[in-house]
C-alpha atoms as a PDB file:
ATOM      1  CA  MET A   1      27.334 -31.760  52.093  1.00  0.00           C
ATOM      2  CA  LYS A   2      24.389 -33.359  50.326  1.00  0.00           C
ATOM      3  CA  ASN A   3      21.473 -31.896  52.247  1.00  0.00           C
ATOM      4  CA  LYS A   4      22.878 -28.529  53.242  1.00  0.00           C
ATOM      5  CA  LYS A   5      19.489 -26.844  52.853  1.00  0.00           C
ATOM      6  CA  ILE A   6      17.767 -29.027  55.460  1.00  0.00           C
ATOM      7  CA  PHE A   7      20.667 -28.520  57.877  1.00  0.00           C
ATOM      8  CA  ASN A   8      20.331 -24.751  57.433  1.00  0.00           C
ATOM      9  CA  THR A   9      16.619 -25.072  58.153  1.00  0.00           C
ATOM     10  CA  PHE A  10      17.375 -26.338  61.657  1.00  0.00           C
ATOM     11  CA  PHE A  11      20.497 -24.315  62.418  1.00  0.00           C
ATOM     12  CA  ARG A  12      21.782 -20.870  61.555  1.00  0.00           C
ATOM     13  CA  GLU A  13      24.618 -21.813  59.275  1.00  0.00           C
ATOM     14  CA  LYS A  14      27.415 -19.442  60.347  1.00  0.00           C
ATOM     15  CA  PRO A  15      27.222 -19.891  64.155  1.00  0.00           C
ATOM     16  CA  ALA A  16      26.830 -23.658  63.817  1.00  0.00           C
ATOM     17  CA  MET A  17      29.783 -23.916  61.446  1.00  0.00           C
ATOM     18  CA  MET A  18      31.876 -21.697  63.719  1.00  0.00           C
ATOM     19  CA  LEU A  19      31.421 -24.202  66.551  1.00  0.00           C
ATOM     20  CA  VAL A  20      32.152 -27.159  64.263  1.00  0.00           C
ATOM     21  CA  LEU A  21      35.294 -25.493  62.873  1.00  0.00           C
ATOM     22  CA  LEU A  22      36.533 -24.730  66.379  1.00  0.00           C
ATOM     23  CA  HIS A  23      35.860 -28.313  67.413  1.00  0.00           C
ATOM     24  CA  ASN A  24      37.614 -29.866  64.404  1.00  0.00           C
ATOM     25  CA  SER A  25      40.603 -27.522  64.368  1.00  0.00           C
ATOM     26  CA  ASN A  26      44.032 -28.766  65.340  1.00  0.00           C
ATOM     27  CA  ASN A  27      45.541 -25.266  65.326  1.00  0.00           C
ATOM     28  CA  GLU A  28      44.938 -22.139  67.349  1.00  0.00           C
ATOM     29  CA  ILE A  29      42.053 -20.138  65.908  1.00  0.00           C
ATOM     30  CA  TYR A  30      41.515 -16.401  66.068  1.00  0.00           C
ATOM     31  CA  ALA A  31      38.323 -14.510  65.292  1.00  0.00           C
ATOM     32  CA  SER A  32      39.806 -13.096  62.080  1.00  0.00           C
ATOM     33  CA  SER A  33      40.751 -16.534  60.724  1.00  0.00           C
ATOM     34  CA  LEU A  34      37.363 -17.912  61.750  1.00  0.00           C
ATOM     35  CA  ALA A  35      35.650 -15.064  59.879  1.00  0.00           C
ATOM     36  CA  LYS A  36      37.505 -16.025  56.701  1.00  0.00           C
ATOM     37  CA  GLN A  37      36.663 -19.710  57.076  1.00  0.00           C
ATOM     38  CA  VAL A  38      32.925 -19.118  57.477  1.00  0.00           C
ATOM     39  CA  ASP A  39      32.874 -16.270  54.925  1.00  0.00           C
ATOM     40  CA  CYS A  40      31.595 -13.675  57.362  1.00  0.00           C
ATOM     41  CA  THR A  41      32.670 -10.229  58.482  1.00  0.00           C
ATOM     42  CA  TYR A  42      34.991  -9.966  61.461  1.00  0.00           C
ATOM     43  CA  SER A  43      32.528  -7.790  63.390  1.00  0.00           C
ATOM     44  CA  HIS A  44      29.695 -10.287  62.868  1.00  0.00           C
ATOM     45  CA  VAL A  45      31.904 -13.171  64.026  1.00  0.00           C
ATOM     46  CA  VAL A  46      32.939 -11.251  67.152  1.00  0.00           C
ATOM     47  CA  LYS A  47      29.283 -10.494  67.937  1.00  0.00           C
ATOM     48  CA  ILE A  48      28.360 -14.177  67.602  1.00  0.00           C
ATOM     49  CA  LEU A  49      31.383 -15.237  69.666  1.00  0.00           C
ATOM     50  CA  GLN A  50      30.429 -12.819  72.445  1.00  0.00           C
ATOM     51  CA  GLU A  51      26.979 -14.417  72.600  1.00  0.00           C
ATOM     52  CA  MET A  52      28.580 -17.854  72.649  1.00  0.00           C
ATOM     53  CA  GLU A  53      30.868 -16.733  75.472  1.00  0.00           C
ATOM     54  CA  LYS A  54      27.843 -15.578  77.493  1.00  0.00           C
ATOM     55  CA  SER A  55      26.318 -19.017  76.947  1.00  0.00           C
ATOM     56  CA  ASP A  56      29.548 -20.694  78.109  1.00  0.00           C
ATOM     57  CA  LEU A  57      30.272 -22.280  74.711  1.00  0.00           C
ATOM     58  CA  VAL A  58      33.581 -20.543  73.917  1.00  0.00           C
ATOM     59  CA  ALA A  59      36.340 -18.881  75.878  1.00  0.00           C
ATOM     60  CA  PHE A  60      38.859 -16.252  74.841  1.00  0.00           C
ATOM     61  CA  LYS A  61      42.468 -16.718  75.914  1.00  0.00           C
ATOM     62  CA  LYS A  62      44.588 -13.598  75.558  1.00  0.00           C
ATOM     63  CA  GLN A  63      48.009 -14.152  74.010  1.00  0.00           C
ATOM     64  CA  GLY A  64      49.735 -10.827  73.559  1.00  0.00           C
ATOM     65  CA  ARG A  65      47.489  -8.723  71.359  1.00  0.00           C
ATOM     66  CA  LEU A  66      45.611 -11.742  70.032  1.00  0.00           C
ATOM     67  CA  LYS A  67      42.717 -13.651  71.530  1.00  0.00           C
ATOM     68  CA  ILE A  68      42.772 -17.400  70.954  1.00  0.00           C
ATOM     69  CA  LEU A  69      39.383 -19.091  70.793  1.00  0.00           C
ATOM     70  CA  THR A  70      38.746 -22.315  72.658  1.00  0.00           C
ATOM     71  CA  LEU A  71      35.622 -24.340  73.198  1.00  0.00           C
ATOM     72  CA  THR A  72      34.462 -24.989  76.730  1.00  0.00           C
ATOM     73  CA  GLY A  73      33.321 -28.456  77.743  1.00  0.00           C
ATOM     74  CA  LYS A  74      29.754 -27.469  76.979  1.00  0.00           C
ATOM     75  CA  GLY A  75      30.861 -25.968  73.641  1.00  0.00           C
ATOM     76  CA  LYS A  76      32.659 -29.187  72.668  1.00  0.00           C
ATOM     77  CA  GLU A  77      29.560 -31.231  73.405  1.00  0.00           C
ATOM     78  CA  VAL A  78      27.290 -28.897  71.406  1.00  0.00           C
ATOM     79  CA  ALA A  79      29.749 -28.772  68.481  1.00  0.00           C
ATOM     80  CA  LYS A  80      30.061 -32.567  68.462  1.00  0.00           C
ATOM     81  CA  ASN A  81      26.275 -32.931  68.356  1.00  0.00           C
ATOM     82  CA  ILE A  82      25.902 -30.340  65.596  1.00  0.00           C
ATOM     83  CA  ASP A  83      28.572 -32.095  63.547  1.00  0.00           C
ATOM     84  CA  SER A  84      26.834 -35.455  64.061  1.00  0.00           C
ATOM     85  CA  ILE A  85      23.503 -34.044  62.919  1.00  0.00           C
ATOM     86  CA  ARG A  86      25.142 -32.338  59.919  1.00  0.00           C
ATOM     87  CA  THR A  87      26.755 -35.625  58.881  1.00  0.00           C
ATOM     88  CA  ALA A  88      23.524 -37.574  59.345  1.00  0.00           C
ATOM     89  CA  LEU A  89      21.646 -35.197  57.045  1.00  0.00           C
END
């Protein structure tokens, strides 16, 4: 990304990239795999995801012992807009 610094000025990098990664993923994503992709600790990712869940951006779907992350309709829209802005910068 050419102008990563200006993007980071407007958005907190990790939460924004978490939404974009969830939006662009074709596979099931778990908090642990998301933490690796955004280079963040698992506990920090879970804390951010809990805030996103309260804001109706993500939902957790329990599958056995694992929780699969999915974007809500609102989350998809926000992620799409963030990705558009990131690309425009």
